[in-house]
Protein backbone atom coordinates (compact mmCIF):
# COMPACT_ATOMS: atom_id res chain seq x y z
CA MET A 1 -6.42 -17.67 -71.24
CA PRO A 2 -6.16 -13.87 -71.06
CA ALA A 3 -3.29 -12.45 -69.03
CA PRO A 4 -4.36 -10.83 -65.73
CA SER A 5 -4.48 -7.07 -65.80
CA LYS A 6 -1.60 -5.36 -64.09
CA ALA A 7 -2.68 -3.41 -60.99
CA THR A 8 -1.66 0.22 -60.75
CA PHE A 9 -0.08 1.26 -57.43
CA LEU A 10 0.93 4.61 -56.06
CA SER A 11 4.59 5.39 -55.75
CA SER A 12 6.09 4.27 -52.44
CA SER A 13 7.75 7.63 -52.05
CA ASP A 14 4.32 9.26 -51.81
CA ALA A 15 3.11 7.12 -48.87
CA VAL A 16 3.50 9.77 -46.19
CA ALA A 17 2.06 12.53 -48.38
CA HIS A 18 -0.94 10.34 -49.23
CA LEU A 19 -2.05 10.40 -45.59
CA ALA A 20 -3.31 13.93 -46.20
CA SER A 21 -6.05 12.51 -48.41
CA TYR A 22 -7.80 11.01 -45.36
CA GLN A 23 -10.30 13.22 -43.58
CA CYS A 24 -8.93 12.39 -40.12
CA LEU A 25 -6.12 10.54 -38.41
CA ASP A 26 -6.43 6.83 -37.79
CA GLY A 27 -8.33 5.87 -34.66
CA LEU A 28 -10.55 8.01 -32.43
CA SER A 29 -10.03 11.34 -30.74
CA VAL A 30 -10.48 11.37 -26.98
CA LYS A 31 -13.82 13.19 -27.33
CA ASP A 32 -15.13 10.54 -29.71
CA LEU A 33 -13.85 7.79 -27.43
CA MET A 34 -15.38 9.23 -24.28
CA ASP A 35 -18.81 10.01 -25.75
CA SER A 36 -21.00 8.24 -23.19
CA ARG A 37 -24.03 8.36 -25.48
CA VAL A 38 -22.15 6.14 -27.94
CA HIS A 39 -19.90 3.95 -25.82
CA GLY A 40 -21.39 4.23 -22.31
CA GLY A 41 -19.08 4.55 -19.33
CA LEU A 42 -15.59 3.18 -19.93
CA THR A 43 -12.97 1.60 -17.72
CA TYR A 44 -9.25 1.49 -18.49
CA ASN A 45 -9.59 -1.96 -20.07
CA ASP A 46 -12.17 -0.73 -22.59
CA PHE A 47 -9.74 1.15 -24.84
CA LEU A 48 -6.18 1.31 -26.15
CA MET A 49 -3.93 4.10 -27.32
CA LEU A 50 -2.48 3.93 -30.81
CA PRO A 51 1.29 3.97 -31.30
CA GLY A 52 3.11 7.02 -32.61
CA LYS A 53 6.63 7.50 -33.96
CA ILE A 54 9.75 6.75 -31.91
CA ASP A 55 12.67 9.10 -32.44
CA PHE A 56 14.10 9.22 -28.89
CA PRO A 57 15.16 6.75 -26.18
CA ALA A 58 12.75 5.87 -23.36
CA SER A 59 15.21 7.27 -20.82
CA ASP A 60 14.56 10.75 -22.25
CA VAL A 61 10.89 10.65 -21.19
CA ILE A 62 10.13 13.13 -18.40
CA THR A 63 7.48 12.05 -15.90
CA ASP A 64 7.38 15.26 -13.82
CA THR A 65 3.83 16.22 -12.90
CA ARG A 66 1.99 18.77 -10.78
CA ILE A 67 -0.23 17.09 -8.16
CA THR A 68 -1.53 20.31 -6.54
CA ARG A 69 -1.37 23.97 -7.45
CA ASN A 70 2.12 24.28 -5.93
CA VAL A 71 3.61 20.78 -5.59
CA VAL A 72 5.46 19.05 -8.43
CA LEU A 73 6.61 15.42 -8.26
CA ARG A 74 9.15 13.65 -10.45
CA THR A 75 6.87 10.63 -10.90
CA PRO A 76 3.04 10.46 -11.00
CA PHE A 77 2.70 7.90 -8.19
CA MET A 78 0.73 8.27 -4.96
CA SER A 79 -0.22 5.65 -2.39
CA SER A 80 -3.72 5.52 -0.98
CA PRO A 81 -4.50 6.58 2.62
CA MET A 82 -5.57 3.07 3.65
CA ASP A 83 -4.56 1.36 6.88
CA THR A 84 -3.16 -1.63 4.99
CA VAL A 85 -1.23 0.51 2.47
CA THR A 86 0.37 3.69 3.82
CA GLU A 87 2.13 4.34 7.08
CA THR A 88 5.64 5.65 7.81
CA GLU A 89 7.72 3.21 5.78
CA MET A 90 5.56 3.43 2.64
CA ALA A 91 5.40 7.23 2.84
CA ILE A 92 9.18 7.56 3.16
CA SER A 93 10.01 5.00 0.49
CA LEU A 94 7.57 6.39 -2.06
CA ALA A 95 8.80 9.96 -1.48
CA LEU A 96 12.42 8.85 -1.98
CA LEU A 97 11.39 7.23 -5.27
CA GLY A 98 9.75 10.39 -6.63
CA GLY A 99 6.13 9.86 -5.57
CA ILE A 100 4.27 10.55 -2.35
CA GLY A 101 2.53 8.39 0.22
CA VAL A 102 -0.64 9.58 1.96
CA ILE A 103 -0.67 8.48 5.61
CA HIS A 104 -4.06 7.10 6.67
CA HIS A 105 -6.11 8.51 9.55
CA ASN A 106 -7.66 5.33 10.91
CA GLN A 107 -5.51 5.82 14.02
CA SER A 108 -5.09 8.32 16.82
CA PRO A 109 -4.11 11.90 15.88
CA GLU A 110 -0.90 11.57 17.90
CA SER A 111 0.12 8.42 16.05
CA GLN A 112 -0.56 9.97 12.66
CA ALA A 113 1.39 13.11 13.60
CA ALA A 114 4.34 10.95 14.68
CA MET A 115 4.36 9.34 11.23
CA VAL A 116 4.31 12.73 9.49
CA ARG A 117 7.16 13.88 11.71
CA ALA A 118 9.19 10.77 10.85
CA VAL A 119 8.77 11.47 7.12
CA LYS A 120 9.87 15.08 7.49
CA ARG A 121 12.91 14.15 9.55
CA HIS A 122 14.03 11.33 7.26
CA GLU A 123 15.87 13.43 4.74
CA ASN A 124 16.73 17.08 4.99
CA GLY A 125 18.91 19.80 3.58
CA PHE A 126 19.49 22.24 6.40
CA ILE A 127 17.55 20.83 9.35
CA THR A 128 16.14 23.96 10.99
CA ASP A 129 14.34 22.18 13.83
CA PRO A 130 16.60 19.29 14.88
CA VAL A 131 16.28 17.41 18.13
CA VAL A 132 18.50 19.24 20.62
CA PHE A 133 19.53 18.21 24.14
CA SER A 134 21.34 19.92 27.00
CA PRO A 135 24.32 18.51 28.95
CA ASN A 136 21.88 17.57 31.72
CA HIS A 137 19.96 15.13 29.55
CA THR A 138 20.86 11.46 29.87
CA VAL A 139 21.87 8.57 27.64
CA ALA A 140 18.33 7.22 28.11
CA ASP A 141 16.96 10.31 26.32
CA VAL A 142 19.23 9.61 23.33
CA LEU A 143 18.20 5.95 23.22
CA ASP A 144 14.54 7.00 23.27
CA ILE A 145 15.05 9.24 20.23
CA LYS A 146 16.83 6.41 18.41
CA ALA A 147 13.93 4.04 19.13
CA ARG A 148 11.25 6.51 18.05
CA LEU A 149 12.90 8.44 15.21
CA GLY A 150 15.72 6.17 14.07
CA PHE A 151 18.78 8.39 14.67
CA CYS A 152 20.96 9.47 17.58
CA GLY A 153 23.35 12.13 16.26
CA ILE A 154 22.10 14.95 18.47
CA PRO A 155 23.65 18.41 19.04
CA ILE A 156 24.05 19.56 22.65
CA THR A 157 23.50 23.23 23.54
CA GLU A 158 23.75 25.01 26.87
CA THR A 159 19.97 25.07 27.36
CA GLY A 160 18.80 22.21 25.13
CA TYR A 161 17.20 24.62 22.67
CA MET A 162 18.04 26.00 19.25
CA GLY A 163 19.57 29.48 19.21
CA THR A 164 21.81 28.87 22.23
CA LYS A 165 25.54 28.09 22.39
CA LEU A 166 26.63 24.75 20.96
CA VAL A 167 28.75 22.82 23.47
CA GLY A 168 28.94 19.31 22.00
CA ILE A 169 27.34 16.53 20.01
CA VAL A 170 26.31 12.98 20.88
CA THR A 171 26.57 10.07 18.43
CA SER A 172 25.72 6.38 18.66
CA ARG A 173 29.32 5.53 19.56
CA ASP A 174 29.26 8.01 22.45
CA VAL A 175 26.35 6.27 24.16
CA GLN A 176 27.32 2.71 23.31
CA PHE A 177 27.85 0.59 26.43
CA GLU A 178 26.97 3.57 28.66
CA SER A 179 24.49 3.42 31.52
CA PRO A 180 21.11 5.00 30.66
CA GLU A 181 21.45 7.28 33.70
CA THR A 182 24.77 8.77 32.51
CA LEU A 183 24.64 12.51 31.85
CA LEU A 184 25.40 13.62 28.29
CA SER A 185 27.95 16.10 29.66
CA GLU A 186 30.11 13.05 30.52
CA VAL A 187 29.96 11.33 27.12
CA MET A 188 29.40 14.04 24.48
CA THR A 189 32.02 14.90 21.90
CA LYS A 190 33.34 18.42 22.50
CA SER A 191 35.78 18.71 19.58
CA LEU A 192 33.44 19.84 16.81
CA VAL A 193 33.57 20.59 13.11
CA THR A 194 31.06 23.38 12.35
CA ALA A 195 30.13 25.69 9.51
CA PRO A 196 29.20 29.37 9.77
CA GLN A 197 25.67 30.62 9.31
CA GLY A 198 25.11 31.68 5.70
CA VAL A 199 27.10 28.79 4.22
CA THR A 200 25.52 27.40 1.07
CA LEU A 201 24.18 23.84 0.92
CA ALA A 202 26.89 22.88 -1.59
CA GLU A 203 29.64 24.33 0.64
CA ALA A 204 28.23 22.61 3.73
CA ASN A 205 28.06 19.29 1.88
CA GLN A 206 31.72 19.67 0.89
CA ILE A 207 32.71 20.26 4.53
CA LEU A 208 30.80 17.10 5.49
CA ARG A 209 32.60 15.10 2.82
CA SER A 210 36.07 16.29 3.85
CA SER A 211 35.49 16.08 7.62
CA LYS A 212 34.10 12.53 7.47
CA LYS A 213 31.69 13.49 10.26
CA GLY A 214 28.10 12.29 10.47
CA LYS A 215 26.56 15.66 11.35
CA LEU A 216 27.57 19.25 10.59
CA PRO A 217 26.22 21.90 13.01
CA ILE A 218 25.68 25.37 11.55
CA VAL A 219 26.44 28.15 14.05
CA ASP A 220 26.28 31.95 14.06
CA ASP A 221 29.19 34.30 14.92
CA GLN A 222 28.55 33.73 18.64
CA GLY A 223 28.61 29.96 18.40
CA ARG A 224 24.85 29.54 18.70
CA LEU A 225 23.26 26.60 16.88
CA THR A 226 21.07 27.67 13.94
CA SER A 227 20.68 24.45 11.90
CA LEU A 228 22.16 21.04 11.17
CA LEU A 229 23.24 18.98 8.15
CA ALA A 230 23.40 15.15 8.04
CA ARG A 231 25.84 12.94 6.10
CA SER A 232 23.13 10.31 5.63
CA ASP A 233 21.23 12.79 3.49
CA LEU A 234 24.19 13.09 1.11
CA LEU A 235 23.98 9.35 0.49
CA LYS A 236 20.23 9.51 -0.04
CA ASN A 237 20.66 12.30 -2.58
CA GLN A 238 22.97 10.02 -4.57
CA ASN A 239 20.77 6.93 -4.30
CA TYR A 240 17.41 8.66 -4.85
CA PRO A 241 17.79 11.45 -7.43
CA LEU A 242 14.01 11.63 -8.03
CA ALA A 243 13.12 12.17 -4.35
CA SER A 244 10.06 14.35 -3.69
CA LYS A 245 11.40 17.30 -1.69
CA ASP A 246 10.29 20.75 -0.68
CA PRO A 247 12.52 23.01 -2.83
CA ASP A 248 13.19 25.34 0.13
CA SER A 249 13.75 23.05 3.12
CA LYS A 250 14.95 20.04 1.05
CA GLN A 251 12.82 17.85 3.32
CA LEU A 252 10.69 15.06 1.89
CA TYR A 253 7.11 16.01 1.16
CA ALA A 254 4.63 14.62 3.68
CA ALA A 255 0.95 14.03 2.95
CA ALA A 256 -1.79 12.72 5.21
CA ALA A 257 -5.54 12.24 5.17
CA VAL A 258 -8.16 13.63 7.55
CA GLY A 259 -11.95 13.54 7.63
CA THR A 260 -14.41 16.40 7.78
CA ARG A 261 -15.66 16.10 11.37
CA PRO A 262 -15.07 18.87 13.94
CA SER A 263 -12.47 16.69 15.68
CA ASP A 264 -10.48 16.51 12.45
CA LYS A 265 -9.64 20.19 12.84
CA GLU A 266 -7.73 19.37 16.02
CA ARG A 267 -6.11 16.39 14.27
CA LEU A 268 -5.01 18.63 11.41
CA LYS A 269 -3.41 21.12 13.82
CA LEU A 270 -1.19 18.33 15.16
CA LEU A 271 -0.28 17.26 11.62
CA VAL A 272 0.65 20.80 10.58
CA GLU A 273 2.81 21.16 13.69
CA ALA A 274 4.56 17.94 12.63
CA GLY A 275 5.39 19.50 9.23
CA LEU A 276 2.53 18.37 6.96
CA ASP A 277 2.70 19.69 3.38
CA ILE A 278 -0.46 18.24 1.78
CA VAL A 279 -3.76 17.23 3.36
CA ILE A 280 -6.23 14.92 1.63
CA LEU A 281 -9.86 15.27 2.67
CA ASP A 282 -10.92 11.66 2.76
CA SER A 283 -14.52 11.02 1.75
CA SER A 284 -16.17 8.58 -0.63
CA GLN A 285 -18.51 11.38 -1.76
CA GLY A 286 -16.74 14.71 -1.60
CA ASN A 287 -19.56 17.00 -2.67
CA SER A 288 -20.86 17.68 0.83
CA ILE A 289 -21.35 20.78 2.93
CA PHE A 290 -19.01 19.19 5.49
CA GLN A 291 -16.12 19.08 3.04
CA ILE A 292 -16.82 22.52 1.61
CA ASP A 293 -16.78 24.01 5.12
CA MET A 294 -13.57 22.10 5.92
CA ILE A 295 -11.79 23.40 2.81
CA GLN A 296 -12.74 26.98 3.64
CA TRP A 297 -11.61 26.58 7.26
CA ILE A 298 -8.25 25.08 6.21
CA LYS A 299 -7.61 27.87 3.72
CA GLN A 300 -8.32 30.48 6.39
CA THR A 301 -6.34 28.72 9.14
CA PHE A 302 -3.43 27.22 7.17
CA PRO A 303 -3.23 29.21 3.91
CA LYS A 304 0.04 27.55 2.83
CA LEU A 305 -1.26 24.00 3.26
CA GLU A 306 -2.12 22.24 -0.01
CA VAL A 307 -5.62 20.70 0.03
CA ILE A 308 -6.63 17.73 -2.13
CA ALA A 309 -10.42 17.39 -2.04
CA GLY A 310 -12.71 14.56 -3.10
CA ASN A 311 -13.68 12.04 -4.03
CA VAL A 312 -15.64 13.17 -7.09
CA VAL A 313 -16.66 11.65 -10.43
CA THR A 314 -18.72 14.44 -12.07
CA ARG A 315 -18.19 18.02 -13.19
CA GLU A 316 -20.89 19.20 -10.81
CA GLN A 317 -19.15 17.65 -7.80
CA ALA A 318 -15.84 19.11 -8.92
CA ALA A 319 -17.24 22.60 -9.35
CA SER A 320 -18.35 22.80 -5.70
CA LEU A 321 -14.93 21.84 -4.36
CA ILE A 322 -12.99 24.04 -6.78
CA ALA A 323 -15.14 27.00 -5.79
CA ALA A 324 -14.44 26.25 -2.12
CA GLY A 325 -10.69 26.53 -2.71
CA ALA A 326 -9.38 23.00 -3.36
CA ASP A 327 -5.82 22.79 -4.73
CA ALA A 328 -6.43 19.41 -6.42
CA LEU A 329 -9.19 16.82 -6.84
CA ARG A 330 -9.23 13.10 -6.18
CA VAL A 331 -11.36 11.19 -8.69
CA GLY A 332 -12.96 7.79 -8.21
CA MET A 333 -15.99 6.17 -6.63
CA GLY A 334 -16.34 2.42 -6.40
CA SER A 335 -13.54 1.50 -8.83
CA GLY A 336 -11.01 0.07 -6.37
CA SER A 337 -10.43 -3.68 -6.23
CA ILE A 338 -11.74 -3.89 -2.66
CA CYS A 339 -14.59 -1.36 -3.08
CA ILE A 340 -18.23 -2.43 -3.54
CA THR A 341 -19.85 1.02 -3.49
CA GLN A 342 -21.16 0.73 -7.04
CA GLU A 343 -22.62 -2.68 -6.31
CA VAL A 344 -24.18 -1.87 -2.92
CA MET A 345 -25.11 1.80 -3.32
CA ALA A 346 -25.80 1.88 -7.07
CA VAL A 347 -23.75 5.09 -7.14
CA GLY A 348 -20.42 5.79 -8.82
CA ARG A 349 -18.99 5.93 -12.34
CA PRO A 350 -16.67 3.85 -14.51
CA GLN A 351 -13.21 5.21 -13.76
CA ALA A 352 -11.94 6.19 -17.21
CA THR A 353 -15.08 8.20 -17.92
CA ALA A 354 -14.92 9.82 -14.48
CA VAL A 355 -11.27 10.85 -14.86
CA PHE A 356 -11.85 12.36 -18.30
CA ALA A 357 -14.97 14.29 -17.29
CA VAL A 358 -13.49 15.79 -14.12
CA ALA A 359 -10.04 16.48 -15.59
CA GLU A 360 -11.51 18.23 -18.64
CA PHE A 361 -13.48 20.55 -16.35
CA ALA A 362 -10.81 21.07 -13.66
CA SER A 363 -8.11 21.90 -16.19
CA LYS A 364 -9.98 25.08 -17.11
CA PHE A 365 -9.23 26.34 -13.57
CA GLY A 366 -5.67 25.01 -13.30
CA ILE A 367 -6.68 22.33 -10.79
CA PRO A 368 -4.76 19.02 -11.01
CA VAL A 369 -6.65 15.72 -10.87
CA ILE A 370 -5.59 12.48 -9.18
CA ALA A 371 -7.04 9.24 -10.55
CA ASP A 372 -7.86 7.13 -7.49
CA GLY A 373 -8.77 3.47 -8.03
CA GLY A 374 -8.82 0.90 -10.80
CA ILE A 375 -5.04 0.95 -11.36
CA SER A 376 -3.78 -2.60 -11.88
CA ASN A 377 -0.77 -2.19 -14.17
CA VAL A 378 1.50 0.24 -16.03
CA GLY A 379 -0.98 0.52 -18.92
CA HIS A 380 -3.71 1.75 -16.60
CA ILE A 381 -1.38 4.44 -15.25
CA VAL A 382 -0.64 5.76 -18.75
CA LYS A 383 -4.31 5.63 -19.75
CA ALA A 384 -5.25 7.68 -16.67
CA LEU A 385 -2.56 10.25 -17.51
CA SER A 386 -3.77 10.42 -21.12
CA LEU A 387 -7.30 11.22 -19.95
CA GLY A 388 -6.06 14.23 -18.00
CA ALA A 389 -5.00 12.84 -14.62
CA ASN A 390 -1.85 14.41 -13.18
CA ALA A 391 -1.13 11.39 -10.98
CA VAL A 392 -2.54 8.03 -10.00
CA MET A 393 -3.36 6.89 -6.48
CA MET A 394 -2.68 3.21 -5.88
CA GLY A 395 -3.93 0.91 -3.14
CA GLY A 396 -4.05 -2.71 -4.23
CA LEU A 397 -1.06 -2.28 -6.54
CA LEU A 398 1.14 -1.34 -3.56
CA ALA A 399 -0.51 -3.54 -0.94
CA GLY A 400 1.51 -6.65 -0.26
CA THR A 401 4.85 -4.86 -0.62
CA THR A 402 7.42 -4.97 2.15
CA GLU A 403 6.71 -1.34 3.07
CA ALA A 404 2.94 -1.81 3.41
CA PRO A 405 1.69 -2.10 7.04
CA GLY A 406 1.08 -5.52 8.48
CA GLU A 407 2.94 -8.80 8.67
CA TYR A 408 3.21 -11.51 6.02
CA PHE A 409 1.42 -14.82 6.50
CA TYR A 410 0.73 -17.83 4.31
CA HIS A 411 -2.62 -18.47 2.62
CA ASP A 412 -3.05 -21.52 0.36
CA GLY A 413 0.71 -21.86 0.22
CA LYS A 414 1.36 -18.28 -0.90
CA ARG A 415 3.00 -15.50 1.10
CA VAL A 416 0.48 -12.67 1.48
CA LYS A 417 -0.46 -9.57 3.45
CA SER A 418 -3.90 -8.41 4.54
CA TYR A 419 -5.57 -5.79 2.36
CA ARG A 420 -8.94 -4.27 3.13
CA GLY A 421 -11.15 -1.51 1.88
CA MET A 422 -11.75 1.42 4.18
CA GLY A 423 -15.46 0.72 3.67
CA SER A 424 -15.11 -2.84 5.01
CA LEU A 425 -16.64 -3.73 8.36
CA GLU A 426 -13.19 -4.66 9.64
CA ALA A 427 -11.89 -1.15 8.92
CA MET A 428 -15.02 0.39 10.46
CA GLU A 429 -14.32 -1.50 13.68
CA GLN A 430 -10.69 -0.31 13.93
CA GLY A 431 -10.01 1.74 17.04
CA ARG A 432 -12.68 0.17 19.24
CA PRO A 433 -11.36 -1.04 22.61
CA SER A 434 -12.33 -4.66 21.80
CA VAL A 435 -10.71 -4.78 18.36
CA SER A 436 -7.11 -5.96 18.06
CA GLY A 437 -6.34 -4.36 14.69
CA GLN A 438 -6.58 -7.61 12.78
CA ALA A 439 -8.66 -8.38 9.73
CA ASN A 440 -10.29 -11.80 9.41
CA GLY A 441 -8.04 -13.04 12.19
CA LYS A 442 -4.97 -12.15 10.15
CA PRO A 443 -2.38 -9.50 11.01
CA GLY A 444 -3.66 -6.05 10.13
CA SER A 445 -2.22 -2.52 10.13
CA THR A 446 0.10 -2.77 13.10
CA LYS A 447 3.64 -2.92 11.77
CA HIS A 448 4.60 0.73 12.15
CA THR A 449 1.87 2.01 14.45
CA PRO A 450 3.12 3.44 17.75
CA ASN A 451 1.47 2.39 20.99
CA LEU A 452 -0.72 5.49 20.87
CA SER A 453 -2.72 4.05 17.99
CA SER A 454 -3.81 1.11 20.13
CA LYS A 455 -5.94 3.46 22.18
CA PRO A 456 -9.59 3.86 21.20
CA HIS A 457 -10.02 6.60 18.59
CA GLU A 458 -12.64 7.97 16.24
CA ASN A 459 -12.97 5.76 13.21
CA ALA A 460 -11.87 7.11 9.84
CA ALA A 461 -13.76 4.49 7.84
CA THR A 462 -17.18 5.34 9.26
CA SER A 463 -16.62 9.07 8.72
CA ARG A 464 -15.44 8.47 5.16
CA TYR A 465 -18.76 6.81 4.34
CA PHE A 466 -20.91 9.05 6.60
CA SER A 467 -21.75 6.08 8.84
CA GLU A 468 -20.82 7.34 12.33
CA SER A 469 -24.39 7.65 13.56
CA SER A 470 -25.77 4.56 11.82
CA ALA A 471 -26.84 1.75 14.16
CA VAL A 472 -26.32 -0.71 11.30
CA LYS A 473 -23.05 -0.42 9.43
CA VAL A 474 -23.41 -1.02 5.68
CA ALA A 475 -20.15 -2.28 4.19
CA GLN A 476 -18.87 -0.59 1.04
CA GLY A 477 -15.66 -2.58 0.93
CA VAL A 478 -14.26 -6.05 1.54
CA SER A 479 -11.27 -7.59 3.34
CA GLY A 480 -8.85 -10.01 1.78
CA ASP A 481 -5.17 -10.54 1.13
CA VAL A 482 -2.71 -9.86 -1.67
CA GLN A 483 0.40 -11.74 -2.71
CA ASP A 484 3.87 -10.60 -1.69
CA LYS A 485 5.22 -8.10 -4.26
CA GLY A 486 8.61 -7.50 -2.67
CA SER A 487 9.88 -4.01 -1.91
CA VAL A 488 8.53 -0.83 -3.51
CA LYS A 489 12.18 0.10 -4.00
CA ALA A 490 12.20 -2.43 -6.83
CA PHE A 491 8.52 -2.29 -7.82
CA VAL A 492 8.10 1.50 -8.19
CA PRO A 493 11.19 1.88 -10.45
CA TYR A 494 9.61 -0.82 -12.64
CA LEU A 495 6.42 1.26 -12.84
CA HIS A 496 8.43 4.36 -13.66
CA VAL A 497 10.44 2.75 -16.46
CA GLY A 498 7.24 1.12 -17.74
CA VAL A 499 5.58 4.53 -18.03
CA GLN A 500 8.63 5.87 -19.88
CA HIS A 501 8.52 3.03 -22.40
CA SER A 502 4.78 3.42 -22.89
CA LEU A 503 5.12 7.13 -23.64
CA GLN A 504 7.94 6.28 -26.03
CA ASP A 505 5.62 3.90 -27.91
CA ILE A 506 3.00 6.66 -28.11
CA GLY A 507 5.67 9.02 -29.45
CA VAL A 508 5.66 11.65 -26.69
CA ARG A 509 8.53 12.79 -24.47
CA SER A 510 6.66 13.85 -21.32
CA VAL A 511 3.37 13.66 -19.47
CA SER A 512 2.58 17.24 -20.49
CA GLU A 513 3.27 16.43 -24.16
CA LEU A 514 1.03 13.36 -23.88
CA GLN A 515 -1.87 15.42 -22.57
CA ALA A 516 -1.31 18.16 -25.13
CA GLY A 517 -1.32 15.55 -27.89
CA VAL A 518 -4.57 14.07 -26.61
CA LYS A 519 -6.20 17.50 -26.40
CA GLU A 520 -5.08 18.43 -29.92
CA GLY A 521 -6.20 15.11 -31.38
CA ARG A 522 -2.71 13.90 -32.33
CA VAL A 523 -2.72 11.06 -29.81
CA ARG A 524 -5.41 8.59 -30.89
CA PHE A 525 -7.45 5.85 -29.25
CA GLU A 526 -9.38 2.70 -30.12
CA VAL A 527 -12.27 0.98 -28.36
CA ARG A 528 -11.63 -2.64 -27.35
CA THR A 529 -14.35 -5.23 -27.75
CA PRO A 530 -14.42 -8.14 -25.25
CA SER A 531 -12.72 -10.38 -27.82
CA ALA A 532 -10.07 -7.70 -28.42
CA GLN A 533 -9.37 -7.61 -24.69
CA LEU A 534 -8.97 -11.39 -24.72
CA GLU A 535 -6.63 -11.17 -27.70
CA GLY A 536 -4.54 -8.49 -25.98
CA GLY A 537 -3.80 -10.72 -23.00
CA VAL A 538 -1.93 -13.98 -22.69
CA HIS A 539 -3.85 -16.69 -24.54
CA GLY A 540 -3.44 -20.00 -26.33
CA LEU A 541 -0.91 -21.42 -23.84
CA HIS A 542 -1.19 -24.56 -21.74
CA SER A 543 0.73 -22.82 -18.95
CA TYR A 544 2.99 -19.81 -18.54
CA THR A 545 4.99 -17.74 -16.06
CA LYS A 546 4.32 -14.02 -15.92
CA ARG A 547 7.36 -12.09 -14.67
CA LEU A 548 6.88 -8.33 -14.77
CA TYR A 549 10.43 -7.14 -14.08
CA ALA A 550 13.91 -8.34 -13.22
């Protein structure tokens, strides 16, 4: 029997050099992947990204991203302006964790403005517009501020206004056990530790540390109050190093949604007075004359206000809003878990294809893109970023957390919260005198809503879907419930670390490097067949427990 011929192999030392003999890198470029004529419209589950080379720890990955022309966040996370997702507590918590929460407008303008104000007052550097009382105010006034805004360390000036002589300060201990009718002149602390006007933030923080006081008034050379610094903010700076803050005021960024009706102009004025930084024009189909006119009016009236326009899914839609002056675009139509627009209206676009098409076009004009909808896990976040999105907007992924509006209840033995699409009939009925704010008989968006929001108000859901004048309301969303996810203060850090590890696997150190690698063809992709998707999930087990983080 003849001996088998000995195969000839290349030298192992030439393996890396031999890669040059291939015409292209392994996998697909993003342009090949997103060719609709070949693959049709794609969702996030329809493709994967190929791994790169790891030569750095995941903790080195930088997730900073620009969400509008002038606002940069430390993490690419935004919460959706839905009445079962974002109110005061979600907006504050997400901002502390490096993202931003967009307060919904399916409530009265006064209620929404109160939420914006609460976000802005939560954490500050120098507070230039603190609550100020005079000696003639009463303990009841202090207790009212504590109930509405959550603090009661209030400076007392001669007239009760900024810019007048500081005469004292009132703290929670001063008003404890006192009659509500007692004048503040009788209980205020008159021995004060102050800092002179012009002191740096670092110097003022050091005075706070050494004085062990809760508040540090800043006064001019005549003893007149000019600003205030809070000890609680020092603690927050230590606990939340990624917090989303205005670089000048050191206040948390506040974002809120409005519609495009004439009445929304008055609503927006209240929000701006409350300190709003970013406004989202909330519409399922953003390419309308109503939104274009609204963008132009905002830019003329409030030139420093950042405007996120949308929603859009095509280059043509994007072009109209960019030309009108939008500072960012929100991308998505019918891709959310509770949205049925594509099914009912036969209009929309698969989300991955939509994000790529709009981001590719908008990037030519320096306009950031926010991927809104279809985000179910960390992988979807990274895929959206790879296709050009600067941030992701999450609804269902954050619904059910402790900070989401509404109360927990039990459904089929599981602890859940209500979650509904803004195109659902339940959302369209919100604000009517006969509606209690509940969905399907379950607790709805009432947890953090002041009494003002219980008054009848114009409905944000009908305006979002251009349904105000329709005698018959056509639902473009559903109502349901989602399982308890715990606090976003544990869940969002999990998302952040997950994104860092994913970028490490891809071999890039930042979001900007990821997008540059995709554009240059260095970051590669692969289409997933249905069987590949099945293989990539849990399979072959009789039972299992899926724990996402510890």
